[in-house]
N, C-alpha and C. Protein backbone atom coordinates (compact mmCIF):
# COMPACT_ATOMS: atom_id res chain seq x y z
N UNK A 1 48.15 3.11 71.17
CA UNK A 1 48.65 3.22 69.57
C UNK A 1 50.43 3.41 70.17
N UNK A 2 50.91 2.71 69.10
CA UNK A 2 52.29 3.31 69.93
C UNK A 2 53.20 3.57 68.32
N UNK A 3 53.73 4.49 68.46
CA UNK A 3 54.83 4.54 67.09
C UNK A 3 56.62 4.77 67.55
N UNK A 4 57.52 4.43 66.33
CA UNK A 4 58.51 3.89 66.98
C UNK A 4 59.57 4.89 66.51
N UNK A 5 60.38 5.55 67.62
CA UNK A 5 61.65 6.25 66.67
C UNK A 5 62.48 5.22 66.68
N UNK A 6 63.54 6.24 65.71
CA UNK A 6 65.31 5.69 65.93
C UNK A 6 66.22 5.93 66.59
N UNK A 7 66.99 5.62 67.41
CA UNK A 7 68.68 5.60 68.02
C UNK A 7 69.33 4.46 67.11
N UNK A 8 70.72 4.63 67.51
CA UNK A 8 71.27 3.89 66.86
C UNK A 8 72.16 3.16 68.16
N UNK A 9 72.58 2.33 68.27
CA UNK A 9 73.13 1.79 69.46
C UNK A 9 74.12 0.56 68.97
N UNK A 10 75.48 0.57 69.15
CA UNK A 10 76.50 -0.52 68.62
C UNK A 10 76.40 -0.52 67.18
N UNK A 11 76.19 -0.14 66.45
CA UNK A 11 75.57 -0.06 65.07
C UNK A 11 74.60 -0.95 64.41
N UNK A 12 73.57 -1.37 65.37
CA UNK A 12 72.26 -2.18 65.35
C UNK A 12 71.10 -0.99 65.73
N UNK A 13 69.72 -1.34 64.76
CA UNK A 13 68.83 -1.02 64.89
C UNK A 13 68.04 -0.80 65.84
N UNK A 14 67.77 -0.11 66.76
CA UNK A 14 66.85 0.21 67.78
C UNK A 14 65.51 1.12 67.83
N UNK A 15 64.37 0.54 67.81
CA UNK A 15 63.65 1.45 67.79
C UNK A 15 62.70 1.74 69.09
N UNK A 16 62.76 2.71 69.31
CA UNK A 16 61.94 3.14 71.17
C UNK A 16 60.44 3.50 70.34
N UNK A 17 59.58 2.84 71.65
CA UNK A 17 58.07 3.32 71.84
C UNK A 17 57.77 4.41 72.38
N UNK A 18 57.16 5.37 71.68
CA UNK A 18 56.59 6.05 72.30
C UNK A 18 55.20 6.20 72.54
N UNK A 19 54.51 7.00 73.17
CA UNK A 19 53.11 7.08 73.09
C UNK A 19 52.75 7.76 72.19
N UNK A 20 51.41 7.00 71.24
CA UNK A 20 50.53 7.99 70.60
C UNK A 20 49.62 8.64 70.71
N UNK A 21 49.47 9.58 69.84
CA UNK A 21 48.08 10.39 70.44
C UNK A 21 47.41 10.02 70.68
N UNK A 22 46.47 10.03 71.61
CA UNK A 22 45.13 9.53 71.74
C UNK A 22 43.74 10.22 71.23
N UNK A 23 42.56 9.14 71.50
CA UNK A 23 41.28 10.58 70.40
C UNK A 23 41.17 10.62 72.04
N UNK A 24 40.31 12.04 72.21
CA UNK A 24 39.95 12.04 73.35
C UNK A 24 38.99 11.27 73.48
N UNK A 25 38.82 11.86 74.83
CA UNK A 25 37.53 10.66 75.69
C UNK A 25 36.30 10.88 75.60
N UNK A 26 35.14 10.05 75.19
CA UNK A 26 33.99 11.12 74.94
C UNK A 26 33.66 11.64 75.01
N UNK A 27 33.02 12.72 74.35
CA UNK A 27 32.64 14.60 75.05
C UNK A 27 31.38 13.97 75.54
N UNK A 28 30.82 12.95 75.79
CA UNK A 28 29.64 13.68 76.23
C UNK A 28 29.60 12.81 77.56
N UNK A 29 30.74 12.43 77.44
CA UNK A 29 31.21 12.24 79.47
C UNK A 29 31.75 12.86 80.31
N UNK A 30 32.22 13.94 79.92
CA UNK A 30 33.40 14.57 80.27
C UNK A 30 33.13 16.09 79.68
N UNK A 31 31.82 16.75 79.84
CA UNK A 31 31.62 18.58 79.28
C UNK A 31 30.20 18.07 79.79
N UNK A 32 30.17 19.53 79.78
CA UNK A 32 28.44 20.05 79.86
C UNK A 32 28.15 19.29 78.36
N UNK A 33 26.55 19.29 78.58
CA UNK A 33 26.07 19.56 76.98
C UNK A 33 24.93 20.14 77.22
N UNK A 34 24.47 20.73 76.15
CA UNK A 34 22.76 21.45 76.01
C UNK A 34 21.65 20.34 76.02
N UNK A 35 20.67 21.05 76.30
CA UNK A 35 19.67 19.89 76.11
C UNK A 35 19.28 19.81 74.71
N UNK A 36 19.85 20.44 73.55
CA UNK A 36 19.38 19.72 72.37
C UNK A 36 20.16 18.47 71.77
N UNK A 37 21.72 18.49 73.12
CA UNK A 37 22.33 17.36 72.50
C UNK A 37 21.59 15.96 74.02
N UNK A 38 21.12 16.41 74.67
CA UNK A 38 20.87 15.23 75.49
C UNK A 38 19.52 14.65 75.10
N UNK A 39 18.29 15.19 74.41
CA UNK A 39 17.57 15.11 74.21
C UNK A 39 17.24 14.79 72.39
N UNK A 40 17.00 13.69 71.50
CA UNK A 40 17.32 13.97 69.83
C UNK A 40 15.96 14.06 70.22
N UNK A 41 14.77 13.60 70.53
CA UNK A 41 13.24 14.01 70.38
C UNK A 41 12.29 13.64 71.47
N UNK A 42 11.77 14.72 72.01
CA UNK A 42 10.63 13.99 73.06
C UNK A 42 9.03 14.95 72.51
N UNK A 43 7.95 14.83 72.81
CA UNK A 43 6.89 15.78 72.83
C UNK A 43 7.38 16.92 72.98
N UNK A 44 8.51 18.14 73.58
CA UNK A 44 8.53 18.97 73.61
C UNK A 44 9.04 19.31 73.12
N UNK A 45 9.65 18.61 72.07
CA UNK A 45 10.66 19.33 71.63
C UNK A 45 10.83 20.67 70.42
N UNK A 46 10.05 20.95 69.65
CA UNK A 46 9.78 21.55 68.80
C UNK A 46 9.27 23.23 70.06
N UNK A 47 8.69 22.85 71.15
CA UNK A 47 8.40 23.94 72.16
C UNK A 47 9.53 24.21 72.73
N UNK A 48 11.07 23.30 72.58
CA UNK A 48 11.80 23.93 73.08
C UNK A 48 12.88 24.90 71.66
N UNK A 49 12.88 24.08 70.60
CA UNK A 49 13.24 24.93 69.66
C UNK A 49 12.85 26.24 69.13
N UNK A 50 11.64 26.80 69.87
CA UNK A 50 11.30 27.84 69.94
C UNK A 50 11.89 28.94 70.99
N UNK A 51 11.82 27.87 72.27
CA UNK A 51 12.44 28.82 73.51
C UNK A 51 13.82 29.18 73.07
N UNK A 52 14.75 28.23 72.17
CA UNK A 52 15.74 28.10 72.04
C UNK A 52 15.74 29.57 71.26
N UNK A 53 15.15 29.73 69.97
CA UNK A 53 15.33 31.05 69.24
C UNK A 53 14.68 32.52 70.83
N UNK A 54 14.63 32.36 71.74
CA UNK A 54 14.12 33.86 72.81
C UNK A 54 15.45 33.93 73.86
N UNK A 55 15.42 32.40 74.34
CA UNK A 55 16.89 32.45 75.60
C UNK A 55 17.54 31.65 75.18
N UNK A 56 19.08 31.88 75.07
CA UNK A 56 20.31 30.20 75.52
C UNK A 56 19.41 29.58 76.81
N UNK A 57 20.76 28.29 76.24
CA UNK A 57 20.00 27.37 77.14
C UNK A 57 21.43 28.00 78.13
N UNK A 58 20.89 27.87 79.58
CA UNK A 58 21.80 28.24 80.76
C UNK A 58 23.04 27.43 80.86
N UNK A 59 23.32 26.26 79.78
CA UNK A 59 24.37 25.61 80.25
C UNK A 59 25.76 26.45 78.81
N UNK A 60 25.22 27.44 78.45
CA UNK A 60 25.69 27.84 76.60
C UNK A 60 27.40 27.94 76.84
N UNK A 61 27.35 29.10 77.90
CA UNK A 61 29.06 29.17 77.86
C UNK A 61 29.59 28.00 78.29
N UNK A 62 29.47 27.33 79.78
CA UNK A 62 30.10 26.06 79.66
C UNK A 62 30.01 24.93 78.95
N UNK A 63 28.94 25.58 78.31
CA UNK A 63 29.70 24.21 76.75
C UNK A 63 30.19 24.56 76.01
N UNK A 64 30.44 26.30 75.36
CA UNK A 64 31.34 26.66 74.55
C UNK A 64 32.84 26.87 75.00
N UNK A 65 33.03 26.77 76.42
CA UNK A 65 34.55 26.53 77.13
C UNK A 65 34.37 25.15 76.60
N UNK A 66 33.83 24.61 76.89
CA UNK A 66 33.97 22.91 76.71
C UNK A 66 34.63 22.85 74.89
N UNK A 67 34.11 22.97 74.24
CA UNK A 67 34.18 22.98 72.53
C UNK A 67 35.65 23.50 72.42
N UNK A 68 35.70 24.86 73.04
CA UNK A 68 37.34 25.45 72.98
C UNK A 68 38.33 24.23 73.63
N UNK A 69 38.45 23.93 74.48
CA UNK A 69 38.99 22.82 75.21
C UNK A 69 38.61 21.56 74.38
N UNK A 70 38.24 20.98 73.90
CA UNK A 70 38.18 19.91 73.39
C UNK A 70 38.40 20.12 71.84
N UNK A 71 38.75 21.67 71.51
CA UNK A 71 39.44 22.03 70.55
C UNK A 71 40.80 22.02 70.37
N UNK A 72 41.22 22.14 71.27
CA UNK A 72 42.87 22.49 72.20
C UNK A 72 42.97 21.01 72.16
N UNK A 73 42.68 20.16 72.64
CA UNK A 73 43.14 18.71 72.70
C UNK A 73 43.47 18.29 71.17
N UNK A 74 42.69 18.29 70.11
CA UNK A 74 42.27 18.16 68.47
C UNK A 74 44.41 18.84 68.49
N UNK A 75 44.28 19.92 68.93
CA UNK A 75 44.95 20.64 69.05
C UNK A 75 46.81 19.63 68.93
N UNK A 76 46.63 19.53 70.36
CA UNK A 76 47.53 18.66 71.30
C UNK A 76 48.23 17.09 70.39
N UNK A 77 47.08 16.62 70.26
CA UNK A 77 46.80 15.52 68.75
C UNK A 77 47.48 15.17 67.47
N UNK A 78 46.97 16.45 67.05
CA UNK A 78 47.60 16.65 65.60
C UNK A 78 49.65 17.29 65.62
N UNK A 79 49.53 17.62 66.66
CA UNK A 79 51.42 18.10 67.05
C UNK A 79 51.64 17.15 67.10
N UNK A 80 51.08 15.97 68.64
CA UNK A 80 51.81 14.71 68.18
C UNK A 80 52.31 14.28 66.59
N UNK A 81 51.19 13.89 65.96
CA UNK A 81 50.83 13.44 64.46
C UNK A 81 52.39 13.83 64.11
N UNK A 82 52.60 15.64 63.87
CA UNK A 82 53.23 16.21 63.29
C UNK A 82 54.87 16.05 63.98
N UNK A 83 54.59 15.44 65.33
CA UNK A 83 56.05 15.52 65.28
C UNK A 83 56.39 13.88 64.96
N UNK A 84 55.89 13.00 65.11
CA UNK A 84 55.75 11.64 64.46
C UNK A 84 55.88 11.52 63.53
N UNK A 85 55.68 12.55 62.48
CA UNK A 85 55.58 12.12 60.70
C UNK A 85 57.28 12.55 60.55
N UNK A 86 57.82 13.95 61.30
CA UNK A 86 59.28 14.42 61.56
C UNK A 86 60.07 13.40 61.74
N UNK A 87 59.73 12.35 62.98
CA UNK A 87 60.55 11.38 62.60
C UNK A 87 60.53 10.33 62.21
N UNK A 88 59.83 10.11 61.52
CA UNK A 88 59.64 8.95 60.44
C UNK A 88 60.60 9.33 59.29
N UNK A 89 61.25 10.92 58.74
CA UNK A 89 62.14 11.36 57.72
C UNK A 89 63.37 10.64 58.68
N UNK A 90 63.73 10.31 60.01
CA UNK A 90 65.00 10.76 60.20
C UNK A 90 64.85 8.69 60.19
N UNK A 91 63.73 8.41 60.51
CA UNK A 91 63.80 6.92 60.45
C UNK A 91 63.76 6.18 58.84
N UNK A 92 63.67 6.71 57.97
CA UNK A 92 63.61 6.37 56.54
C UNK A 92 65.61 6.45 56.03
N UNK A 93 65.84 8.23 56.01
CA UNK A 93 66.75 8.26 56.28
C UNK A 93 68.56 7.47 56.71
N UNK A 94 67.67 6.69 57.73
CA UNK A 94 68.52 5.80 58.44
C UNK A 94 68.55 4.33 57.96
N UNK A 95 67.36 4.38 57.59
CA UNK A 95 66.67 2.93 56.89
C UNK A 95 67.40 2.45 55.14
N UNK A 96 67.45 3.79 54.75
CA UNK A 96 68.07 3.55 53.66
C UNK A 96 69.27 3.63 53.27
N UNK A 97 69.85 3.37 54.54
CA UNK A 97 71.16 3.84 54.49
C UNK A 97 71.89 2.16 54.44
N UNK A 98 71.17 1.48 54.66
CA UNK A 98 71.47 -0.03 55.48
C UNK A 98 71.38 -0.59 53.50
N UNK A 99 72.32 -1.49 54.10
CA UNK A 99 72.50 -2.71 52.54
C UNK A 99 70.56 -3.21 52.36
N UNK A 100 69.99 -3.89 53.54
CA UNK A 100 69.19 -4.45 53.53
C UNK A 100 67.95 -3.94 54.86
N UNK A 101 66.96 -2.45 54.33
CA UNK A 101 65.92 -1.89 55.34
C UNK A 101 64.64 -2.38 55.11
N UNK A 102 65.04 -3.73 54.84
CA UNK A 102 63.18 -4.78 54.65
C UNK A 102 63.15 -4.15 55.92
N UNK A 103 63.79 -5.24 56.85
CA UNK A 103 62.95 -4.98 58.76
C UNK A 103 62.54 -3.72 59.37
N UNK A 104 63.60 -2.87 59.12
CA UNK A 104 63.55 -1.62 59.05
C UNK A 104 62.05 -0.68 58.84
N UNK A 105 61.66 -1.16 57.15
CA UNK A 105 60.32 -0.70 56.36
C UNK A 105 59.72 -1.12 57.12
N UNK A 106 59.58 -2.29 56.93
CA UNK A 106 58.05 -2.91 57.99
C UNK A 106 57.49 -2.27 59.08
N UNK A 107 59.01 -2.45 60.38
CA UNK A 107 58.53 -0.76 61.36
C UNK A 107 57.73 0.42 60.83
N UNK A 108 58.67 0.71 60.10
CA UNK A 108 58.21 2.63 59.43
C UNK A 108 56.79 2.19 59.02
N UNK A 109 56.56 0.96 58.05
CA UNK A 109 55.17 1.28 57.48
C UNK A 109 54.29 0.90 58.96
N UNK A 110 54.55 -0.17 59.55
CA UNK A 110 53.29 -0.01 60.38
C UNK A 110 53.58 1.34 61.25
N UNK A 111 54.28 2.30 61.41
CA UNK A 111 53.72 3.21 62.06
C UNK A 111 53.20 4.62 60.88
N UNK A 112 53.29 4.10 59.84
CA UNK A 112 52.69 4.92 58.72
C UNK A 112 50.24 4.60 58.99
N UNK A 113 50.36 3.03 59.25
CA UNK A 113 49.33 2.47 59.34
C UNK A 113 48.62 3.16 60.35
N UNK A 114 49.56 3.48 62.15
CA UNK A 114 49.45 3.41 63.44
C UNK A 114 48.80 5.49 62.66
N UNK A 115 49.68 6.06 62.65
CA UNK A 115 49.48 7.77 61.78
C UNK A 115 48.15 7.80 61.39
N UNK A 116 48.10 6.93 60.23
CA UNK A 116 46.94 7.04 59.15
C UNK A 116 45.74 6.89 60.31
N UNK A 117 45.46 5.96 61.52
CA UNK A 117 44.58 5.89 62.15
C UNK A 117 43.71 7.10 62.94
N UNK A 118 45.31 7.60 63.61
CA UNK A 118 45.31 8.92 64.11
C UNK A 118 44.57 10.33 63.74
N UNK A 119 44.93 10.03 62.89
CA UNK A 119 44.63 11.54 61.76
C UNK A 119 42.85 11.26 61.41
N UNK A 120 42.47 10.13 60.86
CA UNK A 120 41.15 9.95 60.88
C UNK A 120 40.51 10.23 61.96
N UNK A 121 41.06 9.87 63.58
CA UNK A 121 40.25 10.36 64.42
C UNK A 121 40.17 11.21 64.94
N UNK A 122 40.65 12.34 64.48
CA UNK A 122 40.92 13.96 64.57
C UNK A 122 39.97 14.28 64.17
N UNK A 123 39.98 13.99 62.47
CA UNK A 123 39.28 14.07 61.63
C UNK A 123 37.25 14.07 62.12
N UNK A 124 37.27 12.36 62.76
CA UNK A 124 35.58 12.52 63.27
C UNK A 124 36.47 13.21 63.97
N UNK A 125 37.01 13.37 65.60
CA UNK A 125 36.24 14.65 66.40
C UNK A 125 36.13 15.90 66.24
N UNK A 126 36.55 16.05 64.78
CA UNK A 126 36.37 17.82 64.29
C UNK A 126 34.89 17.89 63.83
N UNK A 127 35.12 16.50 63.28
CA UNK A 127 33.78 16.95 63.04
C UNK A 127 32.22 16.42 63.91
N UNK A 128 32.61 16.11 65.16
CA UNK A 128 31.57 16.23 66.39
C UNK A 128 31.51 17.37 67.10
N UNK A 129 32.50 18.40 66.76
CA UNK A 129 32.49 19.39 66.93
C UNK A 129 31.75 19.86 66.39
N UNK A 130 32.21 20.23 64.97
CA UNK A 130 31.36 20.75 63.57
C UNK A 130 29.66 20.52 64.24
N UNK A 131 28.95 19.54 64.71
CA UNK A 131 28.25 19.23 65.07
C UNK A 131 27.74 20.40 66.30
N UNK A 132 28.47 20.06 67.56
CA UNK A 132 28.00 21.19 68.66
C UNK A 132 28.00 22.10 68.57
N UNK A 133 29.42 22.93 67.91
CA UNK A 133 28.83 24.45 67.62
C UNK A 133 27.71 24.87 66.77
N UNK A 134 27.12 23.59 65.84
CA UNK A 134 25.80 24.33 64.52
C UNK A 134 24.66 24.63 65.38
N UNK A 135 25.20 23.22 66.71
CA UNK A 135 23.77 22.87 67.49
C UNK A 135 23.65 24.48 68.41
N UNK A 136 25.00 25.03 69.34
CA UNK A 136 24.99 25.77 69.87
C UNK A 136 24.68 27.39 68.95
N UNK A 137 25.16 27.45 67.85
CA UNK A 137 24.57 28.34 66.90
C UNK A 137 22.82 28.47 66.78
N UNK A 138 22.73 27.08 67.01
CA UNK A 138 20.53 27.58 66.82
C UNK A 138 20.32 28.18 68.08
N UNK A 139 21.26 28.25 69.43
CA UNK A 139 20.89 29.23 70.12
C UNK A 139 21.25 30.17 70.62
N UNK A 140 22.10 30.49 69.77
CA UNK A 140 23.31 31.68 69.85
C UNK A 140 22.63 33.28 70.35
N UNK A 141 22.52 33.81 70.78
CA UNK A 141 22.24 35.85 71.09
C UNK A 141 23.61 36.53 71.34
N UNK A 142 22.97 37.61 71.11
CA UNK A 142 24.37 38.61 71.25
C UNK A 142 23.90 38.55 73.08
N UNK A 143 25.56 38.42 72.84
CA UNK A 143 25.78 38.68 74.33
C UNK A 143 27.31 38.18 74.32
N UNK A 144 28.26 39.02 75.13
CA UNK A 144 29.61 39.48 75.18
C UNK A 144 31.13 38.29 75.53
N UNK A 145 29.73 37.27 76.54
CA UNK A 145 31.22 36.53 77.55
C UNK A 145 30.97 34.86 76.41
N UNK A 146 29.53 35.51 75.60
CA UNK A 146 29.40 33.56 74.53
C UNK A 146 29.65 34.06 73.19
N UNK A 147 30.15 35.49 72.77
CA UNK A 147 30.94 35.84 72.03
C UNK A 147 32.52 35.51 71.91
N UNK A 148 33.03 35.77 73.33
CA UNK A 148 34.18 36.01 73.76
C UNK A 148 34.74 34.34 73.80
N UNK A 149 33.71 33.64 74.17
CA UNK A 149 33.45 32.20 73.94
C UNK A 149 34.08 31.28 72.74
N UNK A 150 33.49 32.07 71.75
CA UNK A 150 33.33 31.61 70.39
C UNK A 150 34.50 31.78 69.69
N UNK A 151 35.08 33.15 69.79
CA UNK A 151 36.56 33.31 69.82
C UNK A 151 37.80 32.59 70.21
N UNK A 152 37.64 32.37 71.13
CA UNK A 152 38.50 31.01 71.68
C UNK A 152 38.22 29.82 70.68
N UNK A 153 37.16 29.21 70.99
CA UNK A 153 37.48 28.30 70.04
C UNK A 153 37.86 28.37 68.13
N UNK A 154 37.60 29.55 68.03
CA UNK A 154 37.90 30.33 66.71
C UNK A 154 39.94 30.08 67.02
N UNK A 155 40.19 30.64 67.90
CA UNK A 155 41.78 30.83 68.05
C UNK A 155 42.14 29.29 68.05
N UNK A 156 41.89 28.46 68.48
CA UNK A 156 42.57 26.81 68.54
C UNK A 156 42.19 26.28 67.28
N UNK A 157 40.94 26.39 66.46
CA UNK A 157 40.87 26.07 65.10
C UNK A 157 42.28 26.98 63.89
N UNK A 158 42.88 28.13 64.60
CA UNK A 158 43.22 28.17 63.54
C UNK A 158 45.03 27.71 64.32
N UNK A 159 44.78 27.85 65.20
CA UNK A 159 46.32 26.87 65.57
C UNK A 159 46.13 25.03 64.88
N UNK A 160 45.54 24.74 64.94
CA UNK A 160 44.99 23.05 63.99
C UNK A 160 45.26 23.41 62.87
N UNK A 161 45.50 24.72 62.21
CA UNK A 161 45.13 24.94 61.28
C UNK A 161 46.77 25.00 60.83
N UNK A 162 47.30 25.22 61.89
CA UNK A 162 49.12 25.35 61.56
C UNK A 162 49.91 23.94 61.65
N UNK A 163 49.20 23.44 62.48
CA UNK A 163 49.44 21.92 63.38
C UNK A 163 49.37 21.28 62.03
N UNK A 164 48.48 21.64 61.28
CA UNK A 164 47.83 20.54 60.03
C UNK A 164 48.90 20.94 58.68
N UNK A 165 49.46 21.78 58.56
CA UNK A 165 50.12 22.97 57.42
C UNK A 165 51.29 21.81 58.08
N UNK A 166 51.93 21.67 59.02
CA UNK A 166 53.15 21.32 59.03
C UNK A 166 53.55 19.76 59.11
N UNK A 167 52.19 19.55 59.88
CA UNK A 167 52.14 17.77 59.48
C UNK A 167 52.14 17.56 58.15
N UNK A 168 51.14 18.18 57.07
CA UNK A 168 51.42 18.22 55.54
C UNK A 168 52.59 18.00 54.99
N UNK A 169 53.77 19.14 55.39
CA UNK A 169 55.04 19.13 54.30
C UNK A 169 55.40 18.55 55.14
N UNK A 170 55.80 17.60 56.46
CA UNK A 170 56.31 16.56 56.75
C UNK A 170 56.34 15.31 56.20
N UNK A 171 54.93 15.07 56.32
CA UNK A 171 54.64 13.73 55.09
C UNK A 171 55.06 13.76 53.98
N UNK A 172 54.80 14.96 52.87
CA UNK A 172 55.14 15.07 51.54
C UNK A 172 56.76 15.31 51.61
N UNK A 173 57.91 15.62 52.49
CA UNK A 173 59.24 15.52 52.70
C UNK A 173 59.26 13.90 53.04
N UNK A 174 58.84 12.81 53.78
CA UNK A 174 58.81 11.61 54.61
C UNK A 174 58.60 10.98 52.85
N UNK A 175 57.51 11.84 51.80
CA UNK A 175 57.05 10.78 50.75
C UNK A 175 58.37 10.63 49.80
N UNK A 176 58.36 11.94 49.90
CA UNK A 176 59.60 12.26 48.55
C UNK A 176 60.91 11.29 48.80
N UNK A 177 61.25 11.37 49.85
CA UNK A 177 62.34 10.48 50.55
C UNK A 177 62.44 8.81 49.93
N UNK A 178 60.83 8.51 50.40
CA UNK A 178 60.27 7.40 49.58
C UNK A 178 60.86 7.19 48.48
N UNK A 179 59.96 7.65 47.54
CA UNK A 179 59.73 7.53 46.27
C UNK A 179 61.08 7.77 45.54
N UNK A 180 62.31 8.67 46.45
CA UNK A 180 63.82 8.45 45.77
C UNK A 180 64.48 7.54 45.99
N UNK A 181 63.99 6.72 46.71
CA UNK A 181 64.78 5.43 47.06
C UNK A 181 64.05 3.96 46.49
N UNK A 182 63.38 4.29 45.74
CA UNK A 182 62.33 3.25 45.30
C UNK A 182 63.17 2.18 44.99
N UNK A 183 64.45 1.69 44.94
CA UNK A 183 64.68 0.21 44.71
C UNK A 183 65.01 -0.27 45.77
N UNK A 184 64.38 -0.05 46.93
CA UNK A 184 64.49 -0.36 48.63
C UNK A 184 63.08 -0.35 48.57
N UNK A 185 61.99 0.66 48.63
CA UNK A 185 60.46 0.65 49.21
C UNK A 185 59.83 -0.21 47.91
N UNK A 186 59.04 -1.16 48.39
CA UNK A 186 58.02 -1.75 47.07
C UNK A 186 56.93 -0.95 47.55
N UNK A 187 55.74 -1.48 46.23
CA UNK A 187 54.66 -0.46 45.75
C UNK A 187 53.79 -0.92 47.58
N UNK A 188 54.06 -1.66 47.91
CA UNK A 188 53.09 -1.74 49.70
C UNK A 188 53.51 -0.88 50.60
N UNK A 189 54.34 -0.78 50.46
CA UNK A 189 55.53 0.53 51.49
C UNK A 189 55.15 1.86 51.29
N UNK A 190 55.24 2.04 50.13
CA UNK A 190 54.96 3.26 48.92
C UNK A 190 53.32 3.77 49.04
N UNK A 191 52.62 2.52 49.14
CA UNK A 191 50.90 2.91 49.19
C UNK A 191 50.90 3.23 50.98
N UNK A 192 51.61 2.61 52.09
CA UNK A 192 51.54 3.41 53.07
C UNK A 192 51.48 4.67 53.26
N UNK A 193 52.20 4.80 52.60
CA UNK A 193 52.92 6.41 52.97
C UNK A 193 52.01 7.54 52.09
N UNK A 194 51.55 6.71 50.39
CA UNK A 194 50.73 7.52 50.22
C UNK A 194 49.38 7.97 50.95
N UNK A 195 48.78 6.44 51.63
CA UNK A 195 47.63 6.51 52.51
C UNK A 195 47.53 7.41 53.56
N UNK A 196 48.64 7.71 54.26
CA UNK A 196 48.82 8.32 55.61
C UNK A 196 48.88 9.78 54.94
N UNK A 197 49.50 9.72 53.90
CA UNK A 197 49.09 11.38 53.43
C UNK A 197 48.11 11.93 52.61
N UNK A 198 47.09 10.80 52.34
CA UNK A 198 45.75 11.40 52.33
C UNK A 198 44.83 11.40 53.14
N UNK A 199 44.63 10.70 54.21
CA UNK A 199 44.83 10.49 55.63
C UNK A 199 44.82 12.52 56.36
N UNK A 200 45.80 12.85 56.87
CA UNK A 200 46.41 14.01 56.64
C UNK A 200 45.74 14.65 56.02
N UNK A 201 45.47 14.01 54.72
CA UNK A 201 44.89 15.67 54.07
C UNK A 201 43.52 16.29 54.19
N UNK A 202 42.87 14.72 54.31
CA UNK A 202 41.71 14.95 54.21
C UNK A 202 40.99 15.40 55.37
N UNK A 203 42.37 15.64 56.75
CA UNK A 203 41.86 16.52 57.72
C UNK A 203 41.85 17.90 57.56
N UNK A 204 41.88 18.41 56.04
CA UNK A 204 41.44 19.71 56.44
C UNK A 204 39.74 20.35 55.96
N UNK A 205 38.99 19.08 55.35
CA UNK A 205 38.20 19.15 54.76
C UNK A 205 37.03 19.58 56.11
N UNK A 206 37.61 18.54 57.56
CA UNK A 206 37.09 18.86 58.74
C UNK A 206 37.29 19.79 59.58
N UNK A 207 38.10 20.57 58.96
CA UNK A 207 39.05 22.17 59.90
C UNK A 207 37.73 22.42 58.91
N UNK A 208 37.92 23.10 57.83
CA UNK A 208 36.87 24.10 57.53
C UNK A 208 35.56 23.78 57.75
N UNK A 209 35.04 22.52 57.83
CA UNK A 209 33.93 23.04 58.29
C UNK A 209 33.60 22.84 60.76
N UNK A 210 34.53 23.02 60.67
CA UNK A 210 34.41 23.65 62.24
C UNK A 210 34.57 24.66 62.32
N UNK A 211 35.54 25.20 61.64
CA UNK A 211 35.73 26.95 61.80
C UNK A 211 35.38 28.05 60.92
N UNK A 212 34.05 27.03 59.97
CA UNK A 212 32.67 27.77 59.47
C UNK A 212 31.70 27.92 60.61
N UNK A 213 31.49 26.83 61.37
CA UNK A 213 30.05 26.90 62.43
C UNK A 213 30.65 27.15 63.48
N UNK A 214 31.84 27.82 63.69
CA UNK A 214 32.56 28.74 64.81
C UNK A 214 32.18 30.14 64.79
N UNK A 215 32.50 30.02 63.48
CA UNK A 215 32.86 31.72 62.96
C UNK A 215 31.13 32.12 62.78
N UNK A 216 30.39 31.35 62.39
CA UNK A 216 28.77 31.62 62.42
C UNK A 216 28.02 31.92 63.52
N UNK A 217 28.67 30.99 64.90
CA UNK A 217 28.36 31.30 66.08
C UNK A 217 28.76 32.80 66.52
N UNK A 218 30.06 33.19 66.61
CA UNK A 218 30.64 34.17 66.95
C UNK A 218 30.03 35.18 66.02
N UNK A 219 29.72 35.27 64.75
CA UNK A 219 28.46 36.16 64.07
C UNK A 219 27.07 36.05 65.09
N UNK A 220 26.47 35.68 65.48
CA UNK A 220 25.45 34.82 65.71
C UNK A 220 25.21 35.51 67.11
N UNK A 221 26.38 35.41 68.46
CA UNK A 221 26.25 36.14 69.14
C UNK A 221 27.05 37.43 69.51
N UNK A 222 27.87 37.74 68.43
CA UNK A 222 28.19 39.00 68.66
C UNK A 222 27.39 40.12 69.04
């Protein structure tokens, strides 16, 4: 996915292609897994569940550290989106200073669509991390190392919330610039901006979800 930013060169518009935030690699290929994540059903599933209430999975600590790392990746992705949304404010100001901003607005509209897809991917990734945290919570036992790992996850989620707040404020400001220049922006362009704002807002539900799961995990392992 590519994002376009604006410097001016000899009075012409030159948009620079930048690498956009990429979704993390599939979680099941690059991190340790709990047995519950490896076996969705087998003849010993009920026995495994009973055993989980007595002793935690041997991979529990590595899994929790991997979840914290994956949460940190989402923080990095969201910070990129925050930065690119901020850049769109500059692009919009430059575009609306032109007599015919049509071509520039088409480029910005494509950026909005790309950023919206990136936001949706972060939301999906956070829901997956929620499932992992809840699965780990079902096996959590009072353990200092496990508790410390759960706090690492919570710390990353707090950073995620700060980045989400900044991305939201930047997009609200960009949207204001668009609606202040209705003479140049058609309804389709305004809709692209509204859809991106909605995608950013929808991340909030997944942040709440993964935070609650991580908090429950910390209580069980305390």
